[in-house]
Amino acid sequence: MAGRRRWSTEEILDAAVELLRTSDAESFSVRKLAAVLGTDSSSLYRHFRSKTELLRAVADRILLAAVDGYRPEGDWKQRITALALRVREAFGEHPQLAAVWARYASGGTGSRLVMEEVLQALSASGLPDEEIPARYHRIAVLIAALIASEAGVGAVTPEEREQGMELFRVAVFGADPERFPALARFARDVRPLGADRRAAFEEILAAHLAHIEAATSLTRGSARGGPPRR
């Protein structure tokens, strides 16, 4: 009688990605993955010590896909923006995995490549070395939060989206103008959470990077013994 097939790490990760397309991190389990592969959980634990380790590896695969073919171009802000948009696009194709990344993070090669590029870009910004780790952390939190939030919107079904739009219209146009005067005033221009997500992503990131740039200018001005020239 032939023994069970031995699955490679890459094949296991491929199957995990497909399973996570139709489920979330909470309902995902090594047992379910093993059933999909036609094996038992113990065989998968030879590759990954826990469910969390497996999920981190899956998230890292998305980061690897994001940096595949990436080449640093432009100034430090353009580099960070281009990389962030690539990561956003990669997780946009796998919205269920964005929540996995935001929750479990990753310590694999994909994560290291993203970290390396952001740190190098910040080094090119002129920030003092002692400020770069904290600035990196803020950028990472911002990007992860925006991508996870967007993925949550993108993962809903068309029926759920339409229901949400109806609730939005009721909340905005049905609001009592005496109790909610500002909402009544701007009702026609207020947009739902799912609208213009890419534009919002770019604008929020640009504002944060501009804040870093301003801080860098202040630091340089202080180093020269006075405020920066305007």
C-alpha atoms as a PDB file:
ATOM      1  CA  MET A   1       0.000   0.000   0.000  1.00  0.00           C
ATOM      2  CA  ALA A   2       1.435   3.364  -1.019  1.00  0.00           C
ATOM      3  CA  GLY A   3       2.176   5.822   1.757  1.00  0.00           C
ATOM      4  CA  ARG A   4       0.659   9.249   1.975  1.00  0.00           C
ATOM      5  CA  ARG A   5       2.088  11.914  -0.245  1.00  0.00           C
ATOM      6  CA  ARG A   6       4.705  14.176   1.286  1.00  0.00           C
ATOM      7  CA  TRP A   7       3.777  17.792   0.745  1.00  0.00           C
ATOM      8  CA  SER A   8       6.467  20.452   0.349  1.00  0.00           C
ATOM      9  CA  THR A   9       6.420  23.666   2.351  1.00  0.00           C
ATOM     10  CA  GLU A  10       5.534  25.625  -0.795  1.00  0.00           C
ATOM     11  CA  GLU A  11       2.630  23.321  -1.618  1.00  0.00           C
ATOM     12  CA  ILE A  12       1.310  23.640   1.932  1.00  0.00           C
ATOM     13  CA  LEU A  13       1.465  27.425   1.702  1.00  0.00           C
ATOM     14  CA  ASP A  14      -0.291  27.350  -1.690  1.00  0.00           C
ATOM     15  CA  ALA A  15      -3.124  25.320  -0.185  1.00  0.00           C
ATOM     16  CA  ALA A  16      -3.298  27.598   2.869  1.00  0.00           C
ATOM     17  CA  VAL A  17      -3.648  30.668   0.652  1.00  0.00           C
ATOM     18  CA  GLU A  18      -6.517  29.059  -1.248  1.00  0.00           C
ATOM     19  CA  LEU A  19      -8.257  27.994   1.969  1.00  0.00           C
ATOM     20  CA  LEU A  20      -7.925  31.486   3.426  1.00  0.00           C
ATOM     21  CA  ARG A  21      -9.599  32.951   0.351  1.00  0.00           C
ATOM     22  CA  THR A  22     -12.896  31.582   1.624  1.00  0.00           C
ATOM     23  CA  SER A  23     -12.336  31.845   5.380  1.00  0.00           C
ATOM     24  CA  ASP A  24     -10.654  34.074   7.919  1.00  0.00           C
ATOM     25  CA  ALA A  25      -7.849  33.549  10.399  1.00  0.00           C
ATOM     26  CA  GLU A  26     -10.292  32.692  13.176  1.00  0.00           C
ATOM     27  CA  SER A  27     -11.972  29.818  11.355  1.00  0.00           C
ATOM     28  CA  PHE A  28      -8.790  28.633   9.651  1.00  0.00           C
ATOM     29  CA  SER A  29      -7.157  25.616  11.277  1.00  0.00           C
ATOM     30  CA  VAL A  30      -4.309  23.231  10.601  1.00  0.00           C
ATOM     31  CA  ARG A  31      -6.820  20.394  10.754  1.00  0.00           C
ATOM     32  CA  LYS A  32      -8.910  21.921   7.952  1.00  0.00           C
ATOM     33  CA  LEU A  33      -5.802  22.488   5.875  1.00  0.00           C
ATOM     34  CA  ALA A  34      -4.697  18.912   6.417  1.00  0.00           C
ATOM     35  CA  ALA A  35      -8.120  17.696   5.269  1.00  0.00           C
ATOM     36  CA  VAL A  36      -7.816  19.730   2.063  1.00  0.00           C
ATOM     37  CA  LEU A  37      -4.433  18.141   1.414  1.00  0.00           C
ATOM     38  CA  GLY A  38      -5.676  14.672   2.253  1.00  0.00           C
ATOM     39  CA  THR A  39      -3.251  14.197   5.119  1.00  0.00           C
ATOM     40  CA  ASP A  40      -3.202  14.528   8.895  1.00  0.00           C
ATOM     41  CA  SER A  41      -2.242  17.521  11.024  1.00  0.00           C
ATOM     42  CA  SER A  42       0.902  15.875  12.352  1.00  0.00           C
ATOM     43  CA  SER A  43       2.457  15.879   8.880  1.00  0.00           C
ATOM     44  CA  LEU A  44       1.969  19.650   8.620  1.00  0.00           C
ATOM     45  CA  TYR A  45       3.455  20.262  12.042  1.00  0.00           C
ATOM     46  CA  ARG A  46       6.721  18.923  10.662  1.00  0.00           C
ATOM     47  CA  HIS A  47       6.835  22.110   8.566  1.00  0.00           C
ATOM     48  CA  PHE A  48       5.196  24.588  10.941  1.00  0.00           C
ATOM     49  CA  ARG A  49       5.161  24.357  14.713  1.00  0.00           C
ATOM     50  CA  SER A  50       1.808  26.120  15.120  1.00  0.00           C
ATOM     51  CA  LYS A  51      -1.120  27.688  13.317  1.00  0.00           C
ATOM     52  CA  THR A  52       0.321  31.141  14.026  1.00  0.00           C
ATOM     53  CA  GLU A  53       3.665  30.229  12.465  1.00  0.00           C
ATOM     54  CA  LEU A  54       1.856  28.951   9.382  1.00  0.00           C
ATOM     55  CA  LEU A  55      -0.238  32.125   9.089  1.00  0.00           C
ATOM     56  CA  ARG A  56       2.855  34.283   9.400  1.00  0.00           C
ATOM     57  CA  ALA A  57       4.463  32.328   6.580  1.00  0.00           C
ATOM     58  CA  VAL A  58       1.378  32.836   4.420  1.00  0.00           C
ATOM     59  CA  ALA A  59       1.420  36.601   5.069  1.00  0.00           C
ATOM     60  CA  ASP A  60       5.109  36.695   4.212  1.00  0.00           C
ATOM     61  CA  ARG A  61       4.348  35.128   0.843  1.00  0.00           C
ATOM     62  CA  ILE A  62       2.140  38.093   0.007  1.00  0.00           C
ATOM     63  CA  LEU A  63       4.931  40.492   0.967  1.00  0.00           C
ATOM     64  CA  LEU A  64       7.343  38.575  -1.255  1.00  0.00           C
ATOM     65  CA  ALA A  65       4.902  38.924  -4.128  1.00  0.00           C
ATOM     66  CA  ALA A  66       4.646  42.657  -3.430  1.00  0.00           C
ATOM     67  CA  VAL A  67       8.395  43.261  -3.664  1.00  0.00           C
ATOM     68  CA  ASP A  68       8.919  40.976  -6.651  1.00  0.00           C
ATOM     69  CA  GLY A  69      10.303  43.176  -9.419  1.00  0.00           C
ATOM     70  CA  TYR A  70      10.404  46.278  -7.212  1.00  0.00           C
ATOM     71  CA  ARG A  71      13.256  48.702  -7.882  1.00  0.00           C
ATOM     72  CA  PRO A  72      13.826  51.834  -5.761  1.00  0.00           C
ATOM     73  CA  GLU A  73      13.180  54.959  -7.829  1.00  0.00           C
ATOM     74  CA  GLY A  74      12.772  58.633  -6.980  1.00  0.00           C
ATOM     75  CA  ASP A  75      13.280  60.339  -3.651  1.00  0.00           C
ATOM     76  CA  TRP A  76      12.688  58.741  -0.263  1.00  0.00           C
ATOM     77  CA  LYS A  77       8.989  59.655  -0.183  1.00  0.00           C
ATOM     78  CA  GLN A  78       8.403  58.248  -3.664  1.00  0.00           C
ATOM     79  CA  ARG A  79      10.167  55.027  -2.689  1.00  0.00           C
ATOM     80  CA  ILE A  80       8.044  54.490   0.415  1.00  0.00           C
ATOM     81  CA  THR A  81       4.853  55.396  -1.446  1.00  0.00           C
ATOM     82  CA  ALA A  82       5.611  53.044  -4.345  1.00  0.00           C
ATOM     83  CA  LEU A  83       6.388  50.183  -1.977  1.00  0.00           C
ATOM     84  CA  ALA A  84       3.287  50.832   0.145  1.00  0.00           C
ATOM     85  CA  LEU A  85       1.079  50.798  -2.957  1.00  0.00           C
ATOM     86  CA  ARG A  86       2.603  47.498  -4.066  1.00  0.00           C
ATOM     87  CA  VAL A  87       1.882  45.971  -0.651  1.00  0.00           C
ATOM     88  CA  ARG A  88      -1.657  47.385  -0.777  1.00  0.00           C
ATOM     89  CA  GLU A  89      -2.220  45.887  -4.230  1.00  0.00           C
ATOM     90  CA  ALA A  90      -0.834  42.495  -3.216  1.00  0.00           C
ATOM     91  CA  PHE A  91      -3.122  42.219  -0.197  1.00  0.00           C
ATOM     92  CA  GLY A  92      -5.991  43.660  -2.237  1.00  0.00           C
ATOM     93  CA  GLU A  93      -5.867  40.467  -4.300  1.00  0.00           C
ATOM     94  CA  HIS A  94      -6.057  38.457  -1.065  1.00  0.00           C
ATOM     95  CA  PRO A  95      -8.220  40.560   1.292  1.00  0.00           C
ATOM     96  CA  GLN A  96      -8.675  37.759   3.813  1.00  0.00           C
ATOM     97  CA  LEU A  97      -4.908  37.613   4.257  1.00  0.00           C
ATOM     98  CA  ALA A  98      -4.596  41.328   5.022  1.00  0.00           C
ATOM     99  CA  ALA A  99      -6.172  40.753   8.427  1.00  0.00           C
ATOM    100  CA  VAL A 100      -3.769  37.853   8.968  1.00  0.00           C
ATOM    101  CA  TRP A 101      -0.809  40.138   8.263  1.00  0.00           C
ATOM    102  CA  ALA A 102      -2.110  42.933  10.476  1.00  0.00           C
ATOM    103  CA  ARG A 103      -2.699  40.527  13.349  1.00  0.00           C
ATOM    104  CA  TYR A 104       0.204  38.093  13.143  1.00  0.00           C
ATOM    105  CA  ALA A 105       2.836  40.122  11.258  1.00  0.00           C
ATOM    106  CA  SER A 106       5.719  38.239   9.636  1.00  0.00           C
ATOM    107  CA  GLY A 107       9.384  37.642  10.206  1.00  0.00           C
ATOM    108  CA  GLY A 108      10.268  36.031   6.893  1.00  0.00           C
ATOM    109  CA  THR A 109      12.201  37.211   3.875  1.00  0.00           C
ATOM    110  CA  GLY A 110       9.305  39.267   2.507  1.00  0.00           C
ATOM    111  CA  SER A 111       9.006  41.167   5.753  1.00  0.00           C
ATOM    112  CA  ARG A 112      12.741  41.781   5.882  1.00  0.00           C
ATOM    113  CA  LEU A 113      12.788  43.116   2.323  1.00  0.00           C
ATOM    114  CA  VAL A 114       9.976  45.564   3.065  1.00  0.00           C
ATOM    115  CA  MET A 115      11.607  46.675   6.311  1.00  0.00           C
ATOM    116  CA  GLU A 116      14.967  47.107   4.609  1.00  0.00           C
ATOM    117  CA  GLU A 117      13.575  49.324   1.866  1.00  0.00           C
ATOM    118  CA  VAL A 118      11.605  51.558   4.241  1.00  0.00           C
ATOM    119  CA  LEU A 119      14.584  51.929   6.580  1.00  0.00           C
ATOM    120  CA  GLN A 120      16.896  52.729   3.668  1.00  0.00           C
ATOM    121  CA  ALA A 121      14.434  55.303   2.327  1.00  0.00           C
ATOM    122  CA  LEU A 122      14.166  56.937   5.754  1.00  0.00           C
ATOM    123  CA  SER A 123      17.969  57.005   5.961  1.00  0.00           C
ATOM    124  CA  ALA A 124      17.983  58.886   2.661  1.00  0.00           C
ATOM    125  CA  SER A 125      15.508  61.417   4.057  1.00  0.00           C
ATOM    126  CA  GLY A 126      18.139  63.014   6.258  1.00  0.00           C
ATOM    127  CA  LEU A 127      16.588  61.932   9.534  1.00  0.00           C
ATOM    128  CA  PRO A 128      19.059  61.349  12.359  1.00  0.00           C
ATOM    129  CA  ASP A 129      19.729  57.639  12.854  1.00  0.00           C
ATOM    130  CA  GLU A 130      18.265  57.687  16.357  1.00  0.00           C
ATOM    131  CA  GLU A 131      14.863  58.803  15.009  1.00  0.00           C
ATOM    132  CA  ILE A 132      14.582  56.322  12.146  1.00  0.00           C
ATOM    133  CA  PRO A 133      13.357  53.216  14.081  1.00  0.00           C
ATOM    134  CA  ALA A 134      10.449  55.129  15.642  1.00  0.00           C
ATOM    135  CA  ARG A 135       9.526  56.732  12.316  1.00  0.00           C
ATOM    136  CA  TYR A 136       9.645  53.309  10.652  1.00  0.00           C
ATOM    137  CA  HIS A 137       7.298  51.915  13.287  1.00  0.00           C
ATOM    138  CA  ARG A 138       4.733  54.671  12.724  1.00  0.00           C
ATOM    139  CA  ILE A 139       4.809  54.107   8.964  1.00  0.00           C
ATOM    140  CA  ALA A 140       4.403  50.340   9.396  1.00  0.00           C
ATOM    141  CA  VAL A 141       1.436  50.775  11.756  1.00  0.00           C
ATOM    142  CA  LEU A 142      -0.213  53.262   9.392  1.00  0.00           C
ATOM    143  CA  ILE A 143       0.188  51.100   6.287  1.00  0.00           C
ATOM    144  CA  ALA A 144      -0.936  47.907   8.037  1.00  0.00           C
ATOM    145  CA  ALA A 145      -3.989  49.638   9.515  1.00  0.00           C
ATOM    146  CA  LEU A 146      -5.037  51.178   6.207  1.00  0.00           C
ATOM    147  CA  ILE A 147      -4.592  47.932   4.290  1.00  0.00           C
ATOM    148  CA  ALA A 148      -6.424  45.834   6.892  1.00  0.00           C
ATOM    149  CA  SER A 149      -9.289  48.337   6.985  1.00  0.00           C
ATOM    150  CA  GLU A 150      -9.553  48.395   3.211  1.00  0.00           C
ATOM    151  CA  ALA A 151      -9.429  44.617   3.021  1.00  0.00           C
ATOM    152  CA  GLY A 152     -12.340  44.412   5.440  1.00  0.00           C
ATOM    153  CA  VAL A 153     -14.412  46.553   3.094  1.00  0.00           C
ATOM    154  CA  GLY A 154     -13.271  44.593   0.044  1.00  0.00           C
ATOM    155  CA  ALA A 155     -14.127  41.207   1.535  1.00  0.00           C
ATOM    156  CA  VAL A 156     -17.884  41.807   1.820  1.00  0.00           C
ATOM    157  CA  THR A 157     -20.265  40.235  -0.668  1.00  0.00           C
ATOM    158  CA  PRO A 158     -22.191  42.341  -3.229  1.00  0.00           C
ATOM    159  CA  GLU A 159     -25.355  41.779  -1.182  1.00  0.00           C
ATOM    160  CA  GLU A 160     -23.649  42.954   2.005  1.00  0.00           C
ATOM    161  CA  ARG A 161     -22.230  45.953   0.155  1.00  0.00           C
ATOM    162  CA  GLU A 162     -25.661  46.987  -1.092  1.00  0.00           C
ATOM    163  CA  GLN A 163     -27.138  46.580   2.385  1.00  0.00           C
ATOM    164  CA  GLY A 164     -24.343  48.742   3.758  1.00  0.00           C
ATOM    165  CA  MET A 165     -24.984  51.418   1.140  1.00  0.00           C
ATOM    166  CA  GLU A 166     -28.660  51.470   2.016  1.00  0.00           C
ATOM    167  CA  LEU A 167     -27.852  51.873   5.703  1.00  0.00           C
ATOM    168  CA  PHE A 168     -25.413  54.657   4.807  1.00  0.00           C
ATOM    169  CA  ARG A 169     -28.049  56.494   2.792  1.00  0.00           C
ATOM    170  CA  VAL A 170     -30.548  56.176   5.626  1.00  0.00           C
ATOM    171  CA  ALA A 171     -28.009  57.383   8.193  1.00  0.00           C
ATOM    172  CA  VAL A 172     -26.969  60.388   6.092  1.00  0.00           C
ATOM    173  CA  PHE A 173     -30.125  61.554   4.339  1.00  0.00           C
ATOM    174  CA  GLY A 174     -32.505  60.448   7.069  1.00  0.00           C
ATOM    175  CA  ALA A 175     -30.717  62.286   9.869  1.00  0.00           C
ATOM    176  CA  ASP A 176     -32.732  64.851  11.853  1.00  0.00           C
ATOM    177  CA  PRO A 177     -31.261  68.242  10.796  1.00  0.00           C
ATOM    178  CA  GLU A 178     -31.999  69.761  14.185  1.00  0.00           C
ATOM    179  CA  ARG A 179     -30.021  67.096  16.015  1.00  0.00           C
ATOM    180  CA  PHE A 180     -27.394  66.588  13.313  1.00  0.00           C
ATOM    181  CA  PRO A 181     -27.071  69.983  11.588  1.00  0.00           C
ATOM    182  CA  ALA A 182     -23.561  69.411  10.226  1.00  0.00           C
ATOM    183  CA  LEU A 183     -24.526  66.018   8.791  1.00  0.00           C
ATOM    184  CA  ALA A 184     -27.565  67.564   7.115  1.00  0.00           C
ATOM    185  CA  ARG A 185     -25.401  70.362   5.709  1.00  0.00           C
ATOM    186  CA  PHE A 186     -22.803  68.072   4.146  1.00  0.00           C
ATOM    187  CA  ALA A 187     -25.032  65.072   3.391  1.00  0.00           C
ATOM    188  CA  ARG A 188     -24.762  65.311  -0.388  1.00  0.00           C
ATOM    189  CA  ASP A 189     -20.962  65.354  -0.289  1.00  0.00           C
ATOM    190  CA  VAL A 190     -20.255  62.807   2.459  1.00  0.00           C
ATOM    191  CA  ARG A 191     -18.980  59.579   0.888  1.00  0.00           C
ATOM    192  CA  PRO A 192     -19.205  56.023   2.262  1.00  0.00           C
ATOM    193  CA  LEU A 193     -16.181  54.332   3.782  1.00  0.00           C
ATOM    194  CA  GLY A 194     -15.561  52.180   0.723  1.00  0.00           C
ATOM    195  CA  ALA A 195     -15.301  55.070  -1.751  1.00  0.00           C
ATOM    196  CA  ASP A 196     -11.993  56.263  -3.255  1.00  0.00           C
ATOM    197  CA  ARG A 197      -9.901  53.938  -1.099  1.00  0.00           C
ATOM    198  CA  ARG A 198      -6.737  54.257  -3.176  1.00  0.00           C
ATOM    199  CA  ALA A 199      -6.936  58.051  -3.204  1.00  0.00           C
ATOM    200  CA  ALA A 200      -7.514  58.093   0.550  1.00  0.00           C
ATOM    201  CA  PHE A 201      -4.601  55.687   1.076  1.00  0.00           C
ATOM    202  CA  GLU A 202      -2.230  57.864  -0.950  1.00  0.00           C
ATOM    203  CA  GLU A 203      -3.376  61.102   0.666  1.00  0.00           C
ATOM    204  CA  ILE A 204      -3.077  59.819   4.240  1.00  0.00           C
ATOM    205  CA  LEU A 205       0.350  58.333   3.563  1.00  0.00           C
ATOM    206  CA  ALA A 206       1.511  61.511   1.807  1.00  0.00           C
ATOM    207  CA  ALA A 207       0.424  63.613   4.789  1.00  0.00           C
ATOM    208  CA  HIS A 208       2.386  61.393   7.153  1.00  0.00           C
ATOM    209  CA  LEU A 209       5.500  61.508   4.992  1.00  0.00           C
ATOM    210  CA  ALA A 210       5.175  65.295   4.719  1.00  0.00           C
ATOM    211  CA  HIS A 211       5.085  65.415   8.522  1.00  0.00           C
ATOM    212  CA  ILE A 212       8.345  63.463   8.630  1.00  0.00           C
ATOM    213  CA  GLU A 213       9.854  65.792   6.029  1.00  0.00           C
ATOM    214  CA  ALA A 214       8.876  68.822   8.095  1.00  0.00           C
ATOM    215  CA  ALA A 215      10.439  67.275  11.186  1.00  0.00           C
ATOM    216  CA  THR A 216      13.611  66.622   9.219  1.00  0.00           C
ATOM    217  CA  SER A 217      13.744  70.278   8.142  1.00  0.00           C
ATOM    218  CA  LEU A 218      13.372  71.389  11.753  1.00  0.00           C
ATOM    219  CA  THR A 219      16.162  69.062  12.804  1.00  0.00           C
ATOM    220  CA  ARG A 220      18.433  70.458  10.115  1.00  0.00           C
ATOM    221  CA  GLY A 221      17.539  74.009  11.109  1.00  0.00           C
ATOM    222  CA  SER A 222      18.396  73.288  14.740  1.00  0.00           C
ATOM    223  CA  ALA A 223      21.694  71.753  13.685  1.00  0.00           C
ATOM    224  CA  ARG A 224      22.550  74.996  11.852  1.00  0.00           C
ATOM    225  CA  GLY A 225      21.779  76.971  14.987  1.00  0.00           C
ATOM    226  CA  GLY A 226      18.454  78.411  13.963  1.00  0.00           C
ATOM    227  CA  PRO A 227      15.063  77.733  12.395  1.00  0.00           C
ATOM    228  CA  PRO A 228      14.933  76.585   8.749  1.00  0.00           C
ATOM    229  CA  ARG A 229      14.555  79.296   6.151  1.00  0.00           C
ATOM    230  CA  ARG A 230      11.150  79.655   4.589  1.00  0.00           C
END
